[in-house]
PDB file of N, CA and C in Angstrom:
ATOM      1  N   UNK A   1     -76.442   4.077 142.107  1.00  0.00           N
ATOM      2  CA  UNK A   1     -76.668   2.815 141.443  1.00  0.00           C
ATOM      3  C   UNK A   1     -77.498   3.028 140.176  1.00  0.00           C
ATOM      4  N   UNK A   2     -78.536   3.855 140.273  1.00  0.00           N
ATOM      5  CA  UNK A   2     -79.372   4.141 139.107  1.00  0.00           C
ATOM      6  C   UNK A   2     -78.548   4.731 137.977  1.00  0.00           C
ATOM      7  N   UNK A   3     -77.765   5.748 138.293  1.00  0.00           N
ATOM      8  CA  UNK A   3     -76.958   6.379 137.250  1.00  0.00           C
ATOM      9  C   UNK A   3     -75.919   5.416 136.694  1.00  0.00           C
ATOM     10  N   UNK A   4     -75.357   4.583 137.536  1.00  0.00           N
ATOM     11  CA  UNK A   4     -74.387   3.599 137.071  1.00  0.00           C
ATOM     12  C   UNK A   4     -75.048   2.582 136.153  1.00  0.00           C
ATOM     13  N   UNK A   5     -76.200   2.072 136.572  1.00  0.00           N
ATOM     14  CA  UNK A   5     -76.895   1.060 135.779  1.00  0.00           C
ATOM     15  C   UNK A   5     -77.396   1.617 134.454  1.00  0.00           C
ATOM     16  N   UNK A   6     -77.831   2.848 134.464  1.00  0.00           N
ATOM     17  CA  UNK A   6     -78.439   3.398 133.268  1.00  0.00           C
ATOM     18  C   UNK A   6     -77.450   4.116 132.354  1.00  0.00           C
ATOM     19  N   UNK A   7     -76.280   4.469 132.867  1.00  0.00           N
ATOM     20  CA  UNK A   7     -75.381   5.194 131.998  1.00  0.00           C
ATOM     21  C   UNK A   7     -73.914   5.071 132.339  1.00  0.00           C
ATOM     22  N   UNK A   8     -73.620   4.405 133.431  1.00  0.00           N
ATOM     23  CA  UNK A   8     -72.230   4.290 133.844  1.00  0.00           C
ATOM     24  C   UNK A   8     -71.506   3.171 133.123  1.00  0.00           C
ATOM     25  N   UNK A   9     -70.285   2.953 133.524  1.00  0.00           N
ATOM     26  CA  UNK A   9     -69.486   1.912 132.913  1.00  0.00           C
ATOM     27  C   UNK A   9     -68.722   1.156 133.993  1.00  0.00           C
ATOM     28  N   UNK A  10     -69.460   0.374 134.829  1.00  0.00           N
ATOM     29  CA  UNK A  10     -68.781  -0.372 135.883  1.00  0.00           C
ATOM     30  C   UNK A  10     -68.067  -1.589 135.309  1.00  0.00           C
ATOM     31  N   UNK A  11     -66.832  -1.413 134.892  1.00  0.00           N
ATOM     32  CA  UNK A  11     -66.071  -2.475 134.235  1.00  0.00           C
ATOM     33  C   UNK A  11     -65.997  -3.723 135.102  1.00  0.00           C
ATOM     34  N   UNK A  12     -66.171  -4.844 134.449  1.00  0.00           N
ATOM     35  CA  UNK A  12     -65.988  -6.110 135.128  1.00  0.00           C
ATOM     36  C   UNK A  12     -67.203  -6.672 135.832  1.00  0.00           C
ATOM     37  N   UNK A  13     -68.328  -5.991 135.796  1.00  0.00           N
ATOM     38  CA  UNK A  13     -69.503  -6.518 136.483  1.00  0.00           C
ATOM     39  C   UNK A  13     -70.096  -7.655 135.658  1.00  0.00           C
ATOM     40  N   UNK A  14     -70.217  -8.794 136.251  1.00  0.00           N
ATOM     41  CA  UNK A  14     -70.822  -9.957 135.613  1.00  0.00           C
ATOM     42  C   UNK A  14     -71.812 -10.569 136.594  1.00  0.00           C
ATOM     43  N   UNK A  15     -72.882 -11.100 136.072  1.00  0.00           N
ATOM     44  CA  UNK A  15     -73.879 -11.742 136.916  1.00  0.00           C
ATOM     45  C   UNK A  15     -73.704 -13.246 136.784  1.00  0.00           C
ATOM     46  N   UNK A  16     -73.349 -13.935 137.877  1.00  0.00           N
ATOM     47  CA  UNK A  16     -73.148 -15.381 137.810  1.00  0.00           C
ATOM     48  C   UNK A  16     -74.401 -16.096 137.306  1.00  0.00           C
ATOM     49  N   UNK A  17     -74.217 -16.984 136.361  1.00  0.00           N
ATOM     50  CA  UNK A  17     -75.324 -17.781 135.862  1.00  0.00           C
ATOM     51  C   UNK A  17     -76.203 -17.095 134.840  1.00  0.00           C
ATOM     52  N   UNK A  18     -75.901 -15.855 134.489  1.00  0.00           N
ATOM     53  CA  UNK A  18     -76.722 -15.167 133.495  1.00  0.00           C
ATOM     54  C   UNK A  18     -76.495 -15.803 132.133  1.00  0.00           C
ATOM     55  N   UNK A  19     -77.577 -16.096 131.399  1.00  0.00           N
ATOM     56  CA  UNK A  19     -77.415 -16.715 130.085  1.00  0.00           C
ATOM     57  C   UNK A  19     -76.761 -15.765 129.090  1.00  0.00           C
ATOM     58  N   UNK A  20     -76.283 -16.331 127.997  1.00  0.00           N
ATOM     59  CA  UNK A  20     -75.573 -15.543 126.995  1.00  0.00           C
ATOM     60  C   UNK A  20     -76.425 -14.449 126.373  1.00  0.00           C
ATOM     61  N   UNK A  21     -77.747 -14.638 126.297  1.00  0.00           N
ATOM     62  CA  UNK A  21     -78.607 -13.656 125.655  1.00  0.00           C
ATOM     63  C   UNK A  21     -78.991 -12.511 126.588  1.00  0.00           C
ATOM     64  N   UNK A  22     -78.338 -12.417 127.732  1.00  0.00           N
ATOM     65  CA  UNK A  22     -78.647 -11.363 128.695  1.00  0.00           C
ATOM     66  C   UNK A  22     -78.145 -10.004 128.226  1.00  0.00           C
ATOM     67  N   UNK A  23     -77.243  -9.991 127.243  1.00  0.00           N
ATOM     68  CA  UNK A  23     -76.728  -8.720 126.765  1.00  0.00           C
ATOM     69  C   UNK A  23     -77.515  -8.273 125.551  1.00  0.00           C
ATOM     70  N   UNK A  24     -77.520  -6.980 125.351  1.00  0.00           N
ATOM     71  CA  UNK A  24     -78.204  -6.403 124.197  1.00  0.00           C
ATOM     72  C   UNK A  24     -77.181  -5.552 123.453  1.00  0.00           C
ATOM     73  N   UNK A  25     -77.642  -4.966 122.376  1.00  0.00           N
ATOM     74  CA  UNK A  25     -76.739  -4.119 121.614  1.00  0.00           C
ATOM     75  C   UNK A  25     -76.158  -3.042 122.519  1.00  0.00           C
ATOM     76  N   UNK A  26     -74.903  -2.803 122.382  1.00  0.00           N
ATOM     77  CA  UNK A  26     -74.241  -1.811 123.216  1.00  0.00           C
ATOM     78  C   UNK A  26     -72.752  -1.962 123.094  1.00  0.00           C
ATOM     79  N   UNK A  27     -72.046  -1.213 123.888  1.00  0.00           N
ATOM     80  CA  UNK A  27     -70.599  -1.240 123.775  1.00  0.00           C
ATOM     81  C   UNK A  27     -69.929  -2.097 124.841  1.00  0.00           C
ATOM     82  N   UNK A  28     -70.712  -2.866 125.568  1.00  0.00           N
ATOM     83  CA  UNK A  28     -70.131  -3.776 126.551  1.00  0.00           C
ATOM     84  C   UNK A  28     -70.948  -5.060 126.577  1.00  0.00           C
ATOM     85  N   UNK A  29     -70.493  -6.013 127.373  1.00  0.00           N
ATOM     86  CA  UNK A  29     -71.176  -7.302 127.376  1.00  0.00           C
ATOM     87  C   UNK A  29     -71.859  -7.609 128.704  1.00  0.00           C
ATOM     88  N   UNK A  30     -72.109  -6.595 129.522  1.00  0.00           N
ATOM     89  CA  UNK A  30     -72.793  -6.845 130.797  1.00  0.00           C
ATOM     90  C   UNK A  30     -74.294  -6.997 130.565  1.00  0.00           C
ATOM     91  N   UNK A  31     -74.968  -7.800 131.373  1.00  0.00           N
ATOM     92  CA  UNK A  31     -76.421  -7.954 131.229  1.00  0.00           C
ATOM     93  C   UNK A  31     -77.117  -6.607 131.409  1.00  0.00           C
ATOM     94  N   UNK A  32     -78.122  -6.380 130.605  1.00  0.00           N
ATOM     95  CA  UNK A  32     -78.846  -5.115 130.632  1.00  0.00           C
ATOM     96  C   UNK A  32     -80.032  -5.196 131.587  1.00  0.00           C
ATOM     97  N   UNK A  33     -80.395  -4.085 132.210  1.00  0.00           N
ATOM     98  CA  UNK A  33     -81.521  -4.079 133.147  1.00  0.00           C
ATOM     99  C   UNK A  33     -82.805  -4.654 132.553  1.00  0.00           C
ATOM    100  N   UNK A  34     -83.047  -4.400 131.275  1.00  0.00           N
ATOM    101  CA  UNK A  34     -84.266  -4.905 130.632  1.00  0.00           C
ATOM    102  C   UNK A  34     -84.348  -6.437 130.715  1.00  0.00           C
ATOM    103  N   UNK A  35     -83.217  -7.102 130.599  1.00  0.00           N
ATOM    104  CA  UNK A  35     -83.183  -8.557 130.679  1.00  0.00           C
ATOM    105  C   UNK A  35     -83.740  -9.041 132.022  1.00  0.00           C
ATOM    106  N   UNK A  36     -83.290  -8.409 133.105  1.00  0.00           N
ATOM    107  CA  UNK A  36     -83.731  -8.834 134.431  1.00  0.00           C
ATOM    108  C   UNK A  36     -85.207  -8.524 134.659  1.00  0.00           C
ATOM    109  N   UNK A  37     -85.648  -7.381 134.167  1.00  0.00           N
ATOM    110  CA  UNK A  37     -87.067  -7.038 134.289  1.00  0.00           C
ATOM    111  C   UNK A  37     -87.928  -8.041 133.533  1.00  0.00           C
ATOM    112  N   UNK A  38     -87.586  -8.321 132.295  1.00  0.00           N
ATOM    113  CA  UNK A  38     -88.405  -9.226 131.486  1.00  0.00           C
ATOM    114  C   UNK A  38     -88.368 -10.646 132.050  1.00  0.00           C
ATOM    115  N   UNK A  39     -87.243 -11.051 132.613  1.00  0.00           N
ATOM    116  CA  UNK A  39     -87.165 -12.366 133.243  1.00  0.00           C
ATOM    117  C   UNK A  39     -88.092 -12.425 134.459  1.00  0.00           C
ATOM    118  N   UNK A  40     -88.111 -11.371 135.270  1.00  0.00           N
ATOM    119  CA  UNK A  40     -88.993 -11.335 136.444  1.00  0.00           C
ATOM    120  C   UNK A  40     -90.458 -11.340 136.019  1.00  0.00           C
ATOM    121  N   UNK A  41     -90.801 -10.567 134.994  1.00  0.00           N
ATOM    122  CA  UNK A  41     -92.189 -10.542 134.527  1.00  0.00           C
ATOM    123  C   UNK A  41     -92.588 -11.896 133.940  1.00  0.00           C
ATOM    124  N   UNK A  42     -91.668 -12.540 133.264  1.00  0.00           N
ATOM    125  CA  UNK A  42     -91.929 -13.871 132.725  1.00  0.00           C
ATOM    126  C   UNK A  42     -92.228 -14.864 133.841  1.00  0.00           C
ATOM    127  N   UNK A  43     -91.520 -14.734 134.936  1.00  0.00           N
ATOM    128  CA  UNK A  43     -91.774 -15.616 136.087  1.00  0.00           C
ATOM    129  C   UNK A  43     -93.161 -15.359 136.672  1.00  0.00           C
ATOM    130  N   UNK A  44     -93.587 -14.095 136.707  1.00  0.00           N
ATOM    131  CA  UNK A  44     -94.944 -13.785 137.177  1.00  0.00           C
ATOM    132  C   UNK A  44     -95.985 -14.421 136.256  1.00  0.00           C
ATOM    133  N   UNK A  45     -95.725 -14.412 134.963  1.00  0.00           N
ATOM    134  CA  UNK A  45     -96.626 -15.073 134.012  1.00  0.00           C
ATOM    135  C   UNK A  45     -96.638 -16.574 134.274  1.00  0.00           C
ATOM    136  N   UNK A  46     -95.458 -17.159 134.464  1.00  0.00           N
ATOM    137  CA  UNK A  46     -95.341 -18.603 134.675  1.00  0.00           C
ATOM    138  C   UNK A  46     -96.127 -19.094 135.883  1.00  0.00           C
ATOM    139  N   UNK A  47     -96.192 -18.277 136.931  1.00  0.00           N
ATOM    140  CA  UNK A  47     -96.904 -18.705 138.146  1.00  0.00           C
ATOM    141  C   UNK A  47     -98.347 -18.202 138.180  1.00  0.00           C
ATOM    142  N   UNK A  48     -98.794 -17.581 137.100  1.00  0.00           N
ATOM    143  CA  UNK A  48    -100.185 -17.169 137.005  1.00  0.00           C
ATOM    144  C   UNK A  48    -100.525 -15.853 137.682  1.00  0.00           C
ATOM    145  N   UNK A  49     -99.522 -15.058 138.030  1.00  0.00           N
ATOM    146  CA  UNK A  49     -99.783 -13.767 138.677  1.00  0.00           C
ATOM    147  C   UNK A  49     -99.900 -12.614 137.689  1.00  0.00           C
ATOM    148  N   UNK A  50     -99.508 -12.839 136.450  1.00  0.00           N
ATOM    149  CA  UNK A  50     -99.557 -11.803 135.427  1.00  0.00           C
ATOM    150  C   UNK A  50     -99.998 -12.447 134.127  1.00  0.00           C
ATOM    151  N   UNK A  51    -100.963 -11.819 133.461  1.00  0.00           N
ATOM    152  CA  UNK A  51    -101.412 -12.355 132.171  1.00  0.00           C
ATOM    153  C   UNK A  51    -100.372 -12.043 131.096  1.00  0.00           C
ATOM    154  N   UNK A  52    -100.098 -12.990 130.210  1.00  0.00           N
ATOM    155  CA  UNK A  52     -99.083 -12.762 129.173  1.00  0.00           C
ATOM    156  C   UNK A  52     -99.334 -11.494 128.361  1.00  0.00           C
ATOM    157  N   UNK A  53    -100.588 -11.190 128.087  1.00  0.00           N
ATOM    158  CA  UNK A  53    -100.907 -10.012 127.274  1.00  0.00           C
ATOM    159  C   UNK A  53    -100.655  -8.694 128.023  1.00  0.00           C
ATOM    160  N   UNK A  54    -100.419  -8.772 129.323  1.00  0.00           N
ATOM    161  CA  UNK A  54    -100.143  -7.570 130.110  1.00  0.00           C
ATOM    162  C   UNK A  54     -98.647  -7.320 130.315  1.00  0.00           C
ATOM    163  N   UNK A  55     -97.808  -8.175 129.735  1.00  0.00           N
ATOM    164  CA  UNK A  55     -96.366  -8.074 129.975  1.00  0.00           C
ATOM    165  C   UNK A  55     -95.784  -6.747 129.516  1.00  0.00           C
ATOM    166  N   UNK A  56     -96.121  -6.280 128.339  1.00  0.00           N
ATOM    167  CA  UNK A  56     -95.524  -5.025 127.858  1.00  0.00           C
ATOM    168  C   UNK A  56     -96.004  -3.839 128.686  1.00  0.00           C
ATOM    169  N   UNK A  57     -97.252  -3.857 129.110  1.00  0.00           N
ATOM    170  CA  UNK A  57     -97.760  -2.784 129.974  1.00  0.00           C
ATOM    171  C   UNK A  57     -97.086  -2.837 131.341  1.00  0.00           C
ATOM    172  N   UNK A  58     -96.866  -4.041 131.848  1.00  0.00           N
ATOM    173  CA  UNK A  58     -96.191  -4.205 133.133  1.00  0.00           C
ATOM    174  C   UNK A  58     -94.747  -3.718 133.052  1.00  0.00           C
ATOM    175  N   UNK A  59     -94.100  -3.968 131.926  1.00  0.00           N
ATOM    176  CA  UNK A  59     -92.723  -3.493 131.743  1.00  0.00           C
ATOM    177  C   UNK A  59     -92.684  -1.968 131.760  1.00  0.00           C
ATOM    178  N   UNK A  60     -93.606  -1.330 131.058  1.00  0.00           N
ATOM    179  CA  UNK A  60     -93.643   0.135 131.031  1.00  0.00           C
ATOM    180  C   UNK A  60     -93.928   0.700 132.418  1.00  0.00           C
ATOM    181  N   UNK A  61     -94.875   0.108 133.128  1.00  0.00           N
ATOM    182  CA  UNK A  61     -95.190   0.577 134.488  1.00  0.00           C
ATOM    183  C   UNK A  61     -93.994   0.399 135.420  1.00  0.00           C
ATOM    184  N   UNK A  62     -93.281  -0.700 135.267  1.00  0.00           N
ATOM    185  CA  UNK A  62     -92.106  -0.951 136.105  1.00  0.00           C
ATOM    186  C   UNK A  62     -91.013   0.066 135.838  1.00  0.00           C
ATOM    187  N   UNK A  63     -90.719   0.312 134.564  1.00  0.00           N
ATOM    188  CA  UNK A  63     -89.693   1.292 134.219  1.00  0.00           C
ATOM    189  C   UNK A  63     -90.091   2.679 134.694  1.00  0.00           C
ATOM    190  N   UNK A  64     -91.338   3.040 134.500  1.00  0.00           N
ATOM    191  CA  UNK A  64     -91.789   4.371 134.913  1.00  0.00           C
ATOM    192  C   UNK A  64     -91.641   4.542 136.424  1.00  0.00           C
ATOM    193  N   UNK A  65     -91.971   3.508 137.165  1.00  0.00           N
ATOM    194  CA  UNK A  65     -91.854   3.575 138.627  1.00  0.00           C
ATOM    195  C   UNK A  65     -90.401   3.722 139.052  1.00  0.00           C
ATOM    196  N   UNK A  66     -89.542   2.876 138.525  1.00  0.00           N
ATOM    197  CA  UNK A  66     -88.131   2.907 138.914  1.00  0.00           C
ATOM    198  C   UNK A  66     -87.464   4.215 138.500  1.00  0.00           C
ATOM    199  N   UNK A  67     -87.695   4.644 137.280  1.00  0.00           N
ATOM    200  CA  UNK A  67     -87.058   5.871 136.803  1.00  0.00           C
ATOM    201  C   UNK A  67     -87.608   7.091 137.520  1.00  0.00           C
ATOM    202  N   UNK A  68     -88.919   7.151 137.675  1.00  0.00           N
ATOM    203  CA  UNK A  68     -89.527   8.283 138.362  1.00  0.00           C
ATOM    204  C   UNK A  68     -89.047   8.387 139.801  1.00  0.00           C
ATOM    205  N   UNK A  69     -89.052   7.284 140.505  1.00  0.00           N
ATOM    206  CA  UNK A  69     -88.604   7.272 141.893  1.00  0.00           C
ATOM    207  C   UNK A  69     -87.118   7.630 141.986  1.00  0.00           C
ATOM    208  N   UNK A  70     -86.329   7.111 141.073  1.00  0.00           N
ATOM    209  CA  UNK A  70     -84.889   7.411 141.079  1.00  0.00           C
ATOM    210  C   UNK A  70     -84.632   8.899 140.891  1.00  0.00           C
ATOM    211  N   UNK A  71     -85.291   9.500 139.935  1.00  0.00           N
ATOM    212  CA  UNK A  71     -85.114  10.937 139.697  1.00  0.00           C
ATOM    213  C   UNK A  71     -85.584  11.736 140.903  1.00  0.00           C
ATOM    214  N   UNK A  72     -86.725  11.344 141.462  1.00  0.00           N
ATOM    215  CA  UNK A  72     -87.215  12.055 142.645  1.00  0.00           C
ATOM    216  C   UNK A  72     -86.198  11.998 143.784  1.00  0.00           C
ATOM    217  N   UNK A  73     -85.691  10.811 144.081  1.00  0.00           N
ATOM    218  CA  UNK A  73     -84.791  10.660 145.218  1.00  0.00           C
ATOM    219  C   UNK A  73     -83.416  11.270 144.964  1.00  0.00           C
ATOM    220  N   UNK A  74     -82.944  11.198 143.727  1.00  0.00           N
ATOM    221  CA  UNK A  74     -81.615  11.733 143.420  1.00  0.00           C
ATOM    222  C   UNK A  74     -81.611  13.248 143.232  1.00  0.00           C
ATOM    223  N   UNK A  75     -82.616  13.753 142.533  1.00  0.00           N
ATOM    224  CA  UNK A  75     -82.575  15.153 142.114  1.00  0.00           C
ATOM    225  C   UNK A  75     -83.587  16.061 142.812  1.00  0.00           C
ATOM    226  N   UNK A  76     -84.765  15.552 143.106  1.00  0.00           N
ATOM    227  CA  UNK A  76     -85.813  16.411 143.651  1.00  0.00           C
ATOM    228  C   UNK A  76     -85.895  16.383 145.172  1.00  0.00           C
ATOM    229  N   UNK A  77     -85.561  15.264 145.778  1.00  0.00           N
ATOM    230  CA  UNK A  77     -85.674  15.119 147.230  1.00  0.00           C
ATOM    231  C   UNK A  77     -84.409  14.516 147.849  1.00  0.00           C
ATOM    232  N   UNK A  78     -83.246  15.005 147.492  1.00  0.00           N
ATOM    233  CA  UNK A  78     -82.024  14.399 148.026  1.00  0.00           C
ATOM    234  C   UNK A  78     -81.860  14.600 149.530  1.00  0.00           C
ATOM    235  N   UNK A  79     -82.582  15.540 150.099  1.00  0.00           N
ATOM    236  CA  UNK A  79     -82.448  15.839 151.518  1.00  0.00           C
ATOM    237  C   UNK A  79     -83.207  14.863 152.417  1.00  0.00           C
ATOM    238  N   UNK A  80     -84.004  13.971 151.846  1.00  0.00           N
ATOM    239  CA  UNK A  80     -84.748  13.027 152.679  1.00  0.00           C
ATOM    240  C   UNK A  80     -83.807  12.149 153.490  1.00  0.00           C
ATOM    241  N   UNK A  81     -84.227  11.844 154.698  1.00  0.00           N
ATOM    242  CA  UNK A  81     -83.465  10.927 155.537  1.00  0.00           C
ATOM    243  C   UNK A  81     -83.523   9.527 154.935  1.00  0.00           C
ATOM    244  N   UNK A  82     -82.553   8.709 155.264  1.00  0.00           N
ATOM    245  CA  UNK A  82     -82.491   7.342 154.739  1.00  0.00           C
ATOM    246  C   UNK A  82     -83.777   6.574 155.003  1.00  0.00           C
ATOM    247  N   UNK A  83     -84.346   6.750 156.196  1.00  0.00           N
ATOM    248  CA  UNK A  83     -85.588   6.049 156.536  1.00  0.00           C
ATOM    249  C   UNK A  83     -86.733   6.479 155.623  1.00  0.00           C
ATOM    250  N   UNK A  84     -86.784   7.769 155.288  1.00  0.00           N
ATOM    251  CA  UNK A  84     -87.834   8.267 154.399  1.00  0.00           C
ATOM    252  C   UNK A  84     -87.630   7.740 152.978  1.00  0.00           C
ATOM    253  N   UNK A  85     -86.390   7.686 152.539  1.00  0.00           N
ATOM    254  CA  UNK A  85     -86.104   7.133 151.211  1.00  0.00           C
ATOM    255  C   UNK A  85     -86.481   5.665 151.157  1.00  0.00           C
ATOM    256  N   UNK A  86     -86.108   4.914 152.190  1.00  0.00           N
ATOM    257  CA  UNK A  86     -86.457   3.494 152.244  1.00  0.00           C
ATOM    258  C   UNK A  86     -87.964   3.298 152.225  1.00  0.00           C
ATOM    259  N   UNK A  87     -88.692   4.148 152.963  1.00  0.00           N
ATOM    260  CA  UNK A  87     -90.160   4.056 152.994  1.00  0.00           C
ATOM    261  C   UNK A  87     -90.742   4.367 151.621  1.00  0.00           C
ATOM    262  N   UNK A  88     -90.212   5.376 150.942  1.00  0.00           N
ATOM    263  CA  UNK A  88     -90.699   5.734 149.610  1.00  0.00           C
ATOM    264  C   UNK A  88     -90.463   4.597 148.622  1.00  0.00           C
ATOM    265  N   UNK A  89     -89.297   3.986 148.693  1.00  0.00           N
ATOM    266  CA  UNK A  89     -88.984   2.855 147.815  1.00  0.00           C
ATOM    267  C   UNK A  89     -89.915   1.687 148.115  1.00  0.00           C
ATOM    268  N   UNK A  90     -90.075   1.363 149.381  1.00  0.00           N
ATOM    269  CA  UNK A  90     -90.965   0.267 149.769  1.00  0.00           C
ATOM    270  C   UNK A  90     -92.394   0.504 149.332  1.00  0.00           C
ATOM    271  N   UNK A  91     -92.881   1.721 149.539  1.00  0.00           N
ATOM    272  CA  UNK A  91     -94.257   2.043 149.129  1.00  0.00           C
ATOM    273  C   UNK A  91     -94.431   1.935 147.620  1.00  0.00           C
ATOM    274  N   UNK A  92     -93.481   2.494 146.875  1.00  0.00           N
ATOM    275  CA  UNK A  92     -93.580   2.453 145.408  1.00  0.00           C
ATOM    276  C   UNK A  92     -93.566   1.019 144.895  1.00  0.00           C
ATOM    277  N   UNK A  93     -92.675   0.206 145.432  1.00  0.00           N
ATOM    278  CA  UNK A  93     -92.604  -1.186 144.980  1.00  0.00           C
ATOM    279  C   UNK A  93     -93.833  -1.986 145.400  1.00  0.00           C
ATOM    280  N   UNK A  94     -94.347  -1.725 146.588  1.00  0.00           N
ATOM    281  CA  UNK A  94     -95.561  -2.425 147.038  1.00  0.00           C
ATOM    282  C   UNK A  94     -96.742  -2.104 146.140  1.00  0.00           C
ATOM    283  N   UNK A  95     -96.906  -0.835 145.815  1.00  0.00           N
ATOM    284  CA  UNK A  95     -98.014  -0.437 144.943  1.00  0.00           C
ATOM    285  C   UNK A  95     -97.825  -1.021 143.545  1.00  0.00           C
ATOM    286  N   UNK A  96     -96.606  -0.994 143.036  1.00  0.00           N
ATOM    287  CA  UNK A  96     -96.335  -1.561 141.711  1.00  0.00           C
ATOM    288  C   UNK A  96     -96.651  -3.051 141.682  1.00  0.00           C
ATOM    289  N   UNK A  97     -96.144  -3.801 142.642  1.00  0.00           N
ATOM    290  CA  UNK A  97     -96.381  -5.250 142.675  1.00  0.00           C
ATOM    291  C   UNK A  97     -97.873  -5.545 142.829  1.00  0.00           C
ATOM    292  N   UNK A  98     -98.548  -4.806 143.690  1.00  0.00           N
ATOM    293  CA  UNK A  98    -100.000  -5.016 143.846  1.00  0.00           C
ATOM    294  C   UNK A  98    -100.722  -4.762 142.536  1.00  0.00           C
ATOM    295  N   UNK A  99    -100.311  -3.717 141.840  1.00  0.00           N
ATOM    296  CA  UNK A  99    -100.937  -3.407 140.557  1.00  0.00           C
ATOM    297  C   UNK A  99    -100.657  -4.448 139.492  1.00  0.00           C
ATOM    298  N   UNK A 100     -99.460  -5.017 139.521  1.00  0.00           N
ATOM    299  CA  UNK A 100     -99.098  -6.018 138.521  1.00  0.00           C
ATOM    300  C   UNK A 100     -99.763  -7.363 138.779  1.00  0.00           C
ATOM    301  N   UNK A 101    -100.020  -7.665 140.028  1.00  0.00           N
ATOM    302  CA  UNK A 101    -100.476  -9.017 140.362  1.00  0.00           C
ATOM    303  C   UNK A 101    -101.939  -9.117 140.782  1.00  0.00           C
ATOM    304  N   UNK A 102    -102.649  -7.996 140.861  1.00  0.00           N
ATOM    305  CA  UNK A 102    -104.065  -8.026 141.210  1.00  0.00           C
ATOM    306  C   UNK A 102    -104.871  -8.315 139.944  1.00  0.00           C
ATOM    307  N   UNK A 103    -105.703  -9.343 139.984  1.00  0.00           N
ATOM    308  CA  UNK A 103    -106.502  -9.673 138.788  1.00  0.00           C
ATOM    309  C   UNK A 103    -107.401  -8.513 138.368  1.00  0.00           C
ATOM    310  N   UNK A 104    -107.469  -8.283 137.070  1.00  0.00           N
ATOM    311  CA  UNK A 104    -108.362  -7.249 136.532  1.00  0.00           C
ATOM    312  C   UNK A 104    -109.727  -7.849 136.320  1.00  0.00           C
ATOM    313  N   UNK A 105    -110.739  -7.009 136.492  1.00  0.00           N
ATOM    314  CA  UNK A 105    -112.124  -7.471 136.289  1.00  0.00           C
ATOM    315  C   UNK A 105    -112.461  -7.535 134.821  1.00  0.00           C
TER     316      UNK A 105
END
């Protein structure tokens, strides 16, 4: 899924209800991952869980987590059992969300 989303060409994939501005420059018209990330971070801002000035840092931390974990699971640790992969994904996302939504002093 990571390789498909980041570099593949899954023809015909459309997200129901996605606004017209969901696409970015590129050779296709499917919504880009950045759109979904920024929409999710915007929602965290809207509900007061993320400060607006932290949005760009949160985006970088999110991308780093997803890309790093993807490379680890695909290339460095492909032998892990499904349960171990699921645990690694859950742990990484839990730590990321806690970091994004915990108020800074």
